[in-house]
Amino acid sequence: MFMTKRNLNVHIKSRCGKSHQCTVCEKTFGIKSKLKRHMIKHTEKKTCLYECKLCYKHYKYSGNLAAHMKTHKADDNTCEESYEKLVGETSYNCTMCPKKFIHYDSLMAHLRAHSGVRTHTCYICGKSFTESRTLDYHMQTHSDAKPFVCKYCGKGFKNAGYLRVHTRYHENERPFACKTCNKTFVTSSALNLHVKRHVGDRSYPCIACDKAFVTNIDLKLHMMIHFGENPYACELCPKKFLWMCRLKSHMKTHKTKL
């Protein structure tokens, strides 16, 4: 379902025909605006207007610079100050949270996330999203293609983001640090979960007891204790375990018997 005829026409063009071709790499797009955005990748460094003042890396978008800033240590605040100055020059403020945006379109996309309005729908599974790029990202889950290959182990991934995170494990790169205990993490989502444990943010309460948990997964695992579920079964004997680590320890006892 689409709210406007324009959204339907854009959807049809993006799915049924790709008539806009890049003159550099010959990649094709269904929408001209996506081709224009793609062409930025082929332009010279001068188009990357957002510069980190610590390592002098350049970025095409302010959001990329903001994400990059977090990779520097907490005491390196030059990059933070540079970005704050940039935001202060042209700022669009969210009325529902403290976030600021340099571009009006970025603010509009952010506000859609607050409103819960999801106008971009997957025609395969029906799942909806607030932004078209998020839908494009989701569509990759319906494909078996894994064009992004790890140079260390040869494992393939559906998008560059997954490969980038995977490569961090090989290179022992943990760019996200906790300001409370200095523990580092491979992804920002892992850091956010860790911070919640520090501040006691337990948003998932158990309906059977007074315990509460940081994540829904932790709650589901806890509920198995109440209902007697043990999902990890031994293939050599009838025993079952709540935790995979317990099953692995148990399997070692079979090896010693053999």
C-alpha atoms as a PDB file:
ATOM      1  CA  MET A   1       0.000   0.000   0.000  1.00  0.00           C
ATOM      2  CA  PHE A   2       1.230   3.481  -0.858  1.00  0.00           C
ATOM      3  CA  MET A   3      -0.036   6.803   0.483  1.00  0.00           C
ATOM      4  CA  THR A   4       0.532   8.723  -2.778  1.00  0.00           C
ATOM      5  CA  LYS A   5       0.682   7.939  -6.484  1.00  0.00           C
ATOM      6  CA  ARG A   6       4.215   9.307  -6.597  1.00  0.00           C
ATOM      7  CA  ASN A   7       5.391   6.735  -4.019  1.00  0.00           C
ATOM      8  CA  LEU A   8       3.808   3.966  -6.118  1.00  0.00           C
ATOM      9  CA  ASN A   9       5.501   5.187  -9.299  1.00  0.00           C
ATOM     10  CA  VAL A  10       8.879   5.393  -7.550  1.00  0.00           C
ATOM     11  CA  HIS A  11       8.382   1.861  -6.212  1.00  0.00           C
ATOM     12  CA  ILE A  12       7.497   0.482  -9.667  1.00  0.00           C
ATOM     13  CA  LYS A  13      10.525   2.136 -11.272  1.00  0.00           C
ATOM     14  CA  SER A  14      12.883   0.851  -8.563  1.00  0.00           C
ATOM     15  CA  ARG A  15      11.638  -2.738  -8.807  1.00  0.00           C
ATOM     16  CA  CYS A  16      10.676  -3.218 -12.442  1.00  0.00           C
ATOM     17  CA  GLY A  17      13.161  -1.186 -14.471  1.00  0.00           C
ATOM     18  CA  LYS A  18      16.633   0.288 -14.086  1.00  0.00           C
ATOM     19  CA  SER A  19      17.064   2.802 -16.888  1.00  0.00           C
ATOM     20  CA  HIS A  20      19.517   5.210 -15.222  1.00  0.00           C
ATOM     21  CA  GLN A  21      23.084   3.986 -15.739  1.00  0.00           C
ATOM     22  CA  CYS A  22      26.321   5.182 -14.142  1.00  0.00           C
ATOM     23  CA  THR A  23      28.821   6.261 -16.818  1.00  0.00           C
ATOM     24  CA  VAL A  24      31.781   5.262 -14.637  1.00  0.00           C
ATOM     25  CA  CYS A  25      30.995   1.733 -13.401  1.00  0.00           C
ATOM     26  CA  GLU A  26      27.892   0.948 -15.540  1.00  0.00           C
ATOM     27  CA  LYS A  27      25.742   0.210 -12.473  1.00  0.00           C
ATOM     28  CA  THR A  28      22.057   0.896 -13.147  1.00  0.00           C
ATOM     29  CA  PHE A  29      19.307   2.418 -10.990  1.00  0.00           C
ATOM     30  CA  GLY A  30      15.530   2.640 -11.219  1.00  0.00           C
ATOM     31  CA  ILE A  31      15.424   6.188  -9.864  1.00  0.00           C
ATOM     32  CA  LYS A  32      17.476   9.149 -11.113  1.00  0.00           C
ATOM     33  CA  SER A  33      17.988  10.495  -7.583  1.00  0.00           C
ATOM     34  CA  LYS A  34      19.679   7.235  -6.572  1.00  0.00           C
ATOM     35  CA  LEU A  35      22.014   7.522  -9.554  1.00  0.00           C
ATOM     36  CA  LYS A  36      22.954  11.067  -8.494  1.00  0.00           C
ATOM     37  CA  ARG A  37      23.686   9.871  -4.961  1.00  0.00           C
ATOM     38  CA  HIS A  38      25.769   7.009  -6.353  1.00  0.00           C
ATOM     39  CA  MET A  39      27.807   9.329  -8.583  1.00  0.00           C
ATOM     40  CA  ILE A  40      29.127  11.124  -5.507  1.00  0.00           C
ATOM     41  CA  LYS A  41      31.262   8.022  -4.838  1.00  0.00           C
ATOM     42  CA  HIS A  42      33.136   8.614  -8.090  1.00  0.00           C
ATOM     43  CA  THR A  43      33.769  12.309  -7.608  1.00  0.00           C
ATOM     44  CA  GLU A  44      36.964  13.847  -6.327  1.00  0.00           C
ATOM     45  CA  LYS A  45      37.853  14.329  -2.682  1.00  0.00           C
ATOM     46  CA  LYS A  46      36.689  17.955  -2.746  1.00  0.00           C
ATOM     47  CA  THR A  47      33.051  16.769  -2.626  1.00  0.00           C
ATOM     48  CA  CYS A  48      33.709  15.249   0.811  1.00  0.00           C
ATOM     49  CA  LEU A  49      33.006  18.413   2.762  1.00  0.00           C
ATOM     50  CA  TYR A  50      33.043  16.991   6.294  1.00  0.00           C
ATOM     51  CA  GLU A  51      36.576  16.627   7.637  1.00  0.00           C
ATOM     52  CA  CYS A  52      37.809  15.041  10.863  1.00  0.00           C
ATOM     53  CA  LYS A  53      40.289  17.437  12.506  1.00  0.00           C
ATOM     54  CA  LEU A  54      42.164  14.598  14.227  1.00  0.00           C
ATOM     55  CA  CYS A  55      42.948  12.163  11.420  1.00  0.00           C
ATOM     56  CA  TYR A  56      41.911  14.327   8.428  1.00  0.00           C
ATOM     57  CA  LYS A  57      39.564  11.742   6.959  1.00  0.00           C
ATOM     58  CA  HIS A  58      36.862  13.179   4.714  1.00  0.00           C
ATOM     59  CA  TYR A  59      33.195  12.206   4.527  1.00  0.00           C
ATOM     60  CA  LYS A  60      30.412  13.013   2.089  1.00  0.00           C
ATOM     61  CA  TYR A  61      27.707  13.171   4.758  1.00  0.00           C
ATOM     62  CA  SER A  62      27.579  14.753   8.210  1.00  0.00           C
ATOM     63  CA  GLY A  63      26.102  11.558   9.639  1.00  0.00           C
ATOM     64  CA  ASN A  64      29.172   9.596   8.542  1.00  0.00           C
ATOM     65  CA  LEU A  65      31.434  12.126  10.254  1.00  0.00           C
ATOM     66  CA  ALA A  66      29.332  11.889  13.421  1.00  0.00           C
ATOM     67  CA  ALA A  67      29.706   8.091  13.441  1.00  0.00           C
ATOM     68  CA  HIS A  68      33.453   8.403  12.777  1.00  0.00           C
ATOM     69  CA  MET A  69      33.913  10.775  15.736  1.00  0.00           C
ATOM     70  CA  LYS A  70      32.979   7.969  18.117  1.00  0.00           C
ATOM     71  CA  THR A  71      36.008   5.946  17.015  1.00  0.00           C
ATOM     72  CA  HIS A  72      38.399   8.436  18.624  1.00  0.00           C
ATOM     73  CA  LYS A  73      39.269   8.249  22.306  1.00  0.00           C
ATOM     74  CA  ALA A  74      37.171  10.184  24.791  1.00  0.00           C
ATOM     75  CA  ASP A  75      39.943  12.680  25.539  1.00  0.00           C
ATOM     76  CA  ASP A  76      40.303  13.586  21.862  1.00  0.00           C
ATOM     77  CA  ASN A  77      37.585  16.230  21.639  1.00  0.00           C
ATOM     78  CA  THR A  78      38.815  18.217  18.639  1.00  0.00           C
ATOM     79  CA  CYS A  79      36.673  16.168  16.292  1.00  0.00           C
ATOM     80  CA  GLU A  80      33.636  16.628  18.520  1.00  0.00           C
ATOM     81  CA  GLU A  81      34.169  20.382  18.649  1.00  0.00           C
ATOM     82  CA  SER A  82      34.553  20.563  14.879  1.00  0.00           C
ATOM     83  CA  TYR A  83      31.282  18.737  14.344  1.00  0.00           C
ATOM     84  CA  GLU A  84      29.440  20.843  16.921  1.00  0.00           C
ATOM     85  CA  LYS A  85      30.611  23.976  15.094  1.00  0.00           C
ATOM     86  CA  LEU A  86      29.385  22.510  11.825  1.00  0.00           C
ATOM     87  CA  VAL A  87      25.980  21.668  13.294  1.00  0.00           C
ATOM     88  CA  GLY A  88      25.726  25.122  14.842  1.00  0.00           C
ATOM     89  CA  GLU A  89      26.126  26.812  11.463  1.00  0.00           C
ATOM     90  CA  THR A  90      23.040  25.181   9.910  1.00  0.00           C
ATOM     91  CA  SER A  91      20.940  23.286  12.414  1.00  0.00           C
ATOM     92  CA  TYR A  92      17.548  21.585  12.234  1.00  0.00           C
ATOM     93  CA  ASN A  93      16.478  20.522  15.722  1.00  0.00           C
ATOM     94  CA  CYS A  94      14.194  17.612  16.513  1.00  0.00           C
ATOM     95  CA  THR A  95      11.255  18.759  18.664  1.00  0.00           C
ATOM     96  CA  MET A  96      10.924  15.336  20.303  1.00  0.00           C
ATOM     97  CA  CYS A  97      14.530  14.615  21.323  1.00  0.00           C
ATOM     98  CA  PRO A  98      17.868  16.520  21.594  1.00  0.00           C
ATOM     99  CA  LYS A  99      19.182  15.432  18.172  1.00  0.00           C
ATOM    100  CA  LYS A 100      20.269  18.001  15.582  1.00  0.00           C
ATOM    101  CA  PHE A 101      20.664  17.678  11.828  1.00  0.00           C
ATOM    102  CA  ILE A 102      22.466  19.696   9.197  1.00  0.00           C
ATOM    103  CA  HIS A 103      20.097  18.668   6.410  1.00  0.00           C
ATOM    104  CA  TYR A 104      16.329  19.171   6.496  1.00  0.00           C
ATOM    105  CA  ASP A 105      15.732  15.811   4.771  1.00  0.00           C
ATOM    106  CA  SER A 106      17.652  14.063   7.548  1.00  0.00           C
ATOM    107  CA  LEU A 107      15.420  15.686  10.140  1.00  0.00           C
ATOM    108  CA  MET A 108      12.281  14.602   8.247  1.00  0.00           C
ATOM    109  CA  ALA A 109      13.508  11.017   8.076  1.00  0.00           C
ATOM    110  CA  HIS A 110      14.274  11.126  11.799  1.00  0.00           C
ATOM    111  CA  LEU A 111      10.799  12.493  12.631  1.00  0.00           C
ATOM    112  CA  ARG A 112       9.180   9.625  10.732  1.00  0.00           C
ATOM    113  CA  ALA A 113      10.919   7.242  13.107  1.00  0.00           C
ATOM    114  CA  HIS A 114       9.313   9.091  16.041  1.00  0.00           C
ATOM    115  CA  SER A 115       5.853   9.059  14.446  1.00  0.00           C
ATOM    116  CA  GLY A 116       5.937   5.375  13.597  1.00  0.00           C
ATOM    117  CA  VAL A 117       4.650   6.053  10.066  1.00  0.00           C
ATOM    118  CA  ARG A 118       6.075   3.392   7.755  1.00  0.00           C
ATOM    119  CA  THR A 119       5.360   4.136   4.100  1.00  0.00           C
ATOM    120  CA  HIS A 120       7.995   1.887   2.513  1.00  0.00           C
ATOM    121  CA  THR A 121       6.702  -1.694   2.392  1.00  0.00           C
ATOM    122  CA  CYS A 122       8.466  -4.875   1.323  1.00  0.00           C
ATOM    123  CA  TYR A 123       6.427  -6.529  -1.446  1.00  0.00           C
ATOM    124  CA  ILE A 124       7.725  -9.980  -0.426  1.00  0.00           C
ATOM    125  CA  CYS A 125       7.019 -10.183   3.314  1.00  0.00           C
ATOM    126  CA  GLY A 126       4.934  -7.055   3.939  1.00  0.00           C
ATOM    127  CA  LYS A 127       7.295  -5.549   6.506  1.00  0.00           C
ATOM    128  CA  SER A 128       7.288  -1.735   6.484  1.00  0.00           C
ATOM    129  CA  PHE A 129       9.985   0.878   7.076  1.00  0.00           C
ATOM    130  CA  THR A 130      10.210   4.634   7.581  1.00  0.00           C
ATOM    131  CA  GLU A 131      12.910   5.160   4.933  1.00  0.00           C
ATOM    132  CA  SER A 132      13.489   3.793   1.432  1.00  0.00           C
ATOM    133  CA  ARG A 133      17.143   3.072   2.161  1.00  0.00           C
ATOM    134  CA  THR A 134      16.123   0.904   5.108  1.00  0.00           C
ATOM    135  CA  LEU A 135      13.800  -1.005   2.781  1.00  0.00           C
ATOM    136  CA  ASP A 136      16.658  -1.453   0.291  1.00  0.00           C
ATOM    137  CA  TYR A 137      18.811  -2.785   3.121  1.00  0.00           C
ATOM    138  CA  HIS A 138      16.009  -5.157   4.153  1.00  0.00           C
ATOM    139  CA  MET A 139      15.509  -6.482   0.606  1.00  0.00           C
ATOM    140  CA  GLN A 140      18.957  -8.013   0.772  1.00  0.00           C
ATOM    141  CA  THR A 141      17.678 -10.468   3.389  1.00  0.00           C
ATOM    142  CA  HIS A 142      15.443 -12.034   0.728  1.00  0.00           C
ATOM    143  CA  SER A 143      18.387 -12.713  -1.571  1.00  0.00           C
ATOM    144  CA  ASP A 144      20.971 -15.491  -1.307  1.00  0.00           C
ATOM    145  CA  ALA A 145      23.655 -13.369  -2.966  1.00  0.00           C
ATOM    146  CA  LYS A 146      26.681 -12.569  -0.810  1.00  0.00           C
ATOM    147  CA  PRO A 147      28.931 -10.370  -2.956  1.00  0.00           C
ATOM    148  CA  PHE A 148      30.988  -8.881  -0.110  1.00  0.00           C
ATOM    149  CA  VAL A 149      33.807 -11.328   0.672  1.00  0.00           C
ATOM    150  CA  CYS A 150      36.197 -11.234   3.639  1.00  0.00           C
ATOM    151  CA  LYS A 151      39.822 -10.970   2.536  1.00  0.00           C
ATOM    152  CA  TYR A 152      40.970 -12.941   5.587  1.00  0.00           C
ATOM    153  CA  CYS A 153      38.721 -16.027   5.602  1.00  0.00           C
ATOM    154  CA  GLY A 154      36.696 -15.849   2.392  1.00  0.00           C
ATOM    155  CA  LYS A 155      33.309 -15.676   4.140  1.00  0.00           C
ATOM    156  CA  GLY A 156      30.654 -13.844   2.128  1.00  0.00           C
ATOM    157  CA  PHE A 157      28.147 -11.235   3.319  1.00  0.00           C
ATOM    158  CA  LYS A 158      25.022  -9.641   1.869  1.00  0.00           C
ATOM    159  CA  ASN A 159      26.137  -6.053   2.421  1.00  0.00           C
ATOM    160  CA  ALA A 160      29.234  -4.023   3.145  1.00  0.00           C
ATOM    161  CA  GLY A 161      28.115  -3.211   6.693  1.00  0.00           C
ATOM    162  CA  TYR A 162      28.127  -6.863   7.772  1.00  0.00           C
ATOM    163  CA  LEU A 163      31.552  -7.340   6.178  1.00  0.00           C
ATOM    164  CA  ARG A 164      32.913  -4.253   7.930  1.00  0.00           C
ATOM    165  CA  VAL A 165      31.818  -5.548  11.342  1.00  0.00           C
ATOM    166  CA  HIS A 166      33.171  -9.033  10.564  1.00  0.00           C
ATOM    167  CA  THR A 167      36.566  -7.605   9.548  1.00  0.00           C
ATOM    168  CA  ARG A 168      36.878  -5.909  12.939  1.00  0.00           C
ATOM    169  CA  TYR A 169      37.063  -9.339  14.589  1.00  0.00           C
ATOM    170  CA  HIS A 170      39.978 -10.349  12.349  1.00  0.00           C
ATOM    171  CA  GLU A 171      41.806  -7.064  12.946  1.00  0.00           C
ATOM    172  CA  ASN A 172      40.951  -6.959  16.660  1.00  0.00           C
ATOM    173  CA  GLU A 173      39.379  -3.544  16.172  1.00  0.00           C
ATOM    174  CA  ARG A 174      36.995  -2.440  18.944  1.00  0.00           C
ATOM    175  CA  PRO A 175      36.238   1.240  18.246  1.00  0.00           C
ATOM    176  CA  PHE A 176      33.325   1.708  20.683  1.00  0.00           C
ATOM    177  CA  ALA A 177      34.434   2.331  24.283  1.00  0.00           C
ATOM    178  CA  CYS A 178      32.382   2.576  27.462  1.00  0.00           C
ATOM    179  CA  LYS A 179      33.000   5.890  29.243  1.00  0.00           C
ATOM    180  CA  THR A 180      32.298   4.292  32.626  1.00  0.00           C
ATOM    181  CA  CYS A 181      34.619   1.268  32.630  1.00  0.00           C
ATOM    182  CA  ASN A 182      36.625   1.731  29.376  1.00  0.00           C
ATOM    183  CA  LYS A 183      35.514  -1.672  28.076  1.00  0.00           C
ATOM    184  CA  THR A 184      35.522  -1.704  24.267  1.00  0.00           C
ATOM    185  CA  PHE A 185      33.139  -3.249  21.752  1.00  0.00           C
ATOM    186  CA  VAL A 186      33.053  -4.133  18.077  1.00  0.00           C
ATOM    187  CA  THR A 187      29.639  -2.539  17.419  1.00  0.00           C
ATOM    188  CA  SER A 188      27.758   0.459  18.774  1.00  0.00           C
ATOM    189  CA  SER A 189      24.721  -1.738  19.539  1.00  0.00           C
ATOM    190  CA  ALA A 190      26.840  -3.934  21.812  1.00  0.00           C
ATOM    191  CA  LEU A 191      28.096  -0.804  23.592  1.00  0.00           C
ATOM    192  CA  ASN A 192      24.535   0.499  24.035  1.00  0.00           C
ATOM    193  CA  LEU A 193      23.458  -2.764  25.674  1.00  0.00           C
ATOM    194  CA  HIS A 194      26.489  -2.619  27.944  1.00  0.00           C
ATOM    195  CA  VAL A 195      25.709   0.966  29.004  1.00  0.00           C
ATOM    196  CA  LYS A 196      22.151  -0.075  29.900  1.00  0.00           C
ATOM    197  CA  ARG A 197      23.586  -2.574  32.384  1.00  0.00           C
ATOM    198  CA  HIS A 198      25.575   0.226  34.013  1.00  0.00           C
ATOM    199  CA  VAL A 199      22.585   2.522  34.421  1.00  0.00           C
ATOM    200  CA  GLY A 200      20.198  -0.250  35.410  1.00  0.00           C
ATOM    201  CA  ASP A 201      17.927   0.185  32.406  1.00  0.00           C
ATOM    202  CA  ARG A 202      15.902  -3.041  32.499  1.00  0.00           C
ATOM    203  CA  SER A 203      12.891  -2.515  30.278  1.00  0.00           C
ATOM    204  CA  TYR A 204      11.818  -6.160  29.953  1.00  0.00           C
ATOM    205  CA  PRO A 205      10.125  -7.414  33.177  1.00  0.00           C
ATOM    206  CA  CYS A 206       9.248 -11.042  33.830  1.00  0.00           C
ATOM    207  CA  ILE A 207       5.499 -11.688  34.303  1.00  0.00           C
ATOM    208  CA  ALA A 208       6.179 -14.634  36.610  1.00  0.00           C
ATOM    209  CA  CYS A 209       8.599 -13.000  39.072  1.00  0.00           C
ATOM    210  CA  ASP A 210       9.980  -9.581  39.956  1.00  0.00           C
ATOM    211  CA  LYS A 211      13.081  -9.811  37.755  1.00  0.00           C
ATOM    212  CA  ALA A 212      13.661  -7.488  34.795  1.00  0.00           C
ATOM    213  CA  PHE A 213      16.160  -7.659  31.940  1.00  0.00           C
ATOM    214  CA  VAL A 214      18.083  -5.378  29.590  1.00  0.00           C
ATOM    215  CA  THR A 215      17.112  -7.192  26.371  1.00  0.00           C
ATOM    216  CA  ASN A 216      14.151  -9.183  25.151  1.00  0.00           C
ATOM    217  CA  ILE A 217      16.482 -12.121  24.449  1.00  0.00           C
ATOM    218  CA  ASP A 218      17.581 -12.195  28.092  1.00  0.00           C
ATOM    219  CA  LEU A 219      13.917 -12.222  29.131  1.00  0.00           C
ATOM    220  CA  LYS A 220      13.061 -15.097  26.775  1.00  0.00           C
ATOM    221  CA  LEU A 221      15.942 -17.170  28.121  1.00  0.00           C
ATOM    222  CA  HIS A 222      14.810 -16.429  31.661  1.00  0.00           C
ATOM    223  CA  MET A 223      11.202 -17.469  30.877  1.00  0.00           C
ATOM    224  CA  MET A 224      12.470 -20.898  29.870  1.00  0.00           C
ATOM    225  CA  ILE A 225      13.431 -21.436  33.510  1.00  0.00           C
ATOM    226  CA  HIS A 226       9.848 -20.825  34.599  1.00  0.00           C
ATOM    227  CA  PHE A 227       8.324 -23.080  31.953  1.00  0.00           C
ATOM    228  CA  GLY A 228      10.960 -25.802  32.102  1.00  0.00           C
ATOM    229  CA  GLU A 229      12.136 -25.430  28.513  1.00  0.00           C
ATOM    230  CA  ASN A 230      15.585 -26.759  27.628  1.00  0.00           C
ATOM    231  CA  PRO A 231      16.164 -26.124  23.901  1.00  0.00           C
ATOM    232  CA  TYR A 232      19.688 -27.572  23.624  1.00  0.00           C
ATOM    233  CA  ALA A 233      19.520 -31.383  23.419  1.00  0.00           C
ATOM    234  CA  CYS A 234      22.404 -33.853  23.490  1.00  0.00           C
ATOM    235  CA  GLU A 235      22.515 -36.095  20.412  1.00  0.00           C
ATOM    236  CA  LEU A 236      24.130 -38.961  22.334  1.00  0.00           C
ATOM    237  CA  CYS A 237      21.820 -39.134  25.367  1.00  0.00           C
ATOM    238  CA  PRO A 238      18.370 -37.850  26.458  1.00  0.00           C
ATOM    239  CA  LYS A 239      19.722 -34.868  28.417  1.00  0.00           C
ATOM    240  CA  LYS A 240      18.683 -31.312  27.528  1.00  0.00           C
ATOM    241  CA  PHE A 241      20.121 -27.957  28.615  1.00  0.00           C
ATOM    242  CA  LEU A 242      18.972 -24.361  28.890  1.00  0.00           C
ATOM    243  CA  TRP A 243      22.330 -22.932  27.793  1.00  0.00           C
ATOM    244  CA  MET A 244      24.497 -23.871  24.820  1.00  0.00           C
ATOM    245  CA  CYS A 245      27.626 -23.591  26.986  1.00  0.00           C
ATOM    246  CA  ARG A 246      26.213 -26.243  29.344  1.00  0.00           C
ATOM    247  CA  LEU A 247      25.593 -28.577  26.394  1.00  0.00           C
ATOM    248  CA  LYS A 248      29.166 -28.083  25.161  1.00  0.00           C
ATOM    249  CA  SER A 249      30.519 -28.922  28.633  1.00  0.00           C
ATOM    250  CA  HIS A 250      28.290 -31.975  28.748  1.00  0.00           C
ATOM    251  CA  MET A 251      29.506 -33.199  25.337  1.00  0.00           C
ATOM    252  CA  LYS A 252      33.045 -33.339  26.718  1.00  0.00           C
ATOM    253  CA  THR A 253      31.926 -36.004  29.193  1.00  0.00           C
ATOM    254  CA  HIS A 254      30.938 -38.244  26.285  1.00  0.00           C
ATOM    255  CA  LYS A 255      34.386 -37.822  24.722  1.00  0.00           C
ATOM    256  CA  THR A 256      36.130 -38.930  27.925  1.00  0.00           C
ATOM    257  CA  LYS A 257      33.931 -42.035  28.073  1.00  0.00           C
ATOM    258  CA  LEU A 258      34.861 -42.923  24.505  1.00  0.00           C
END
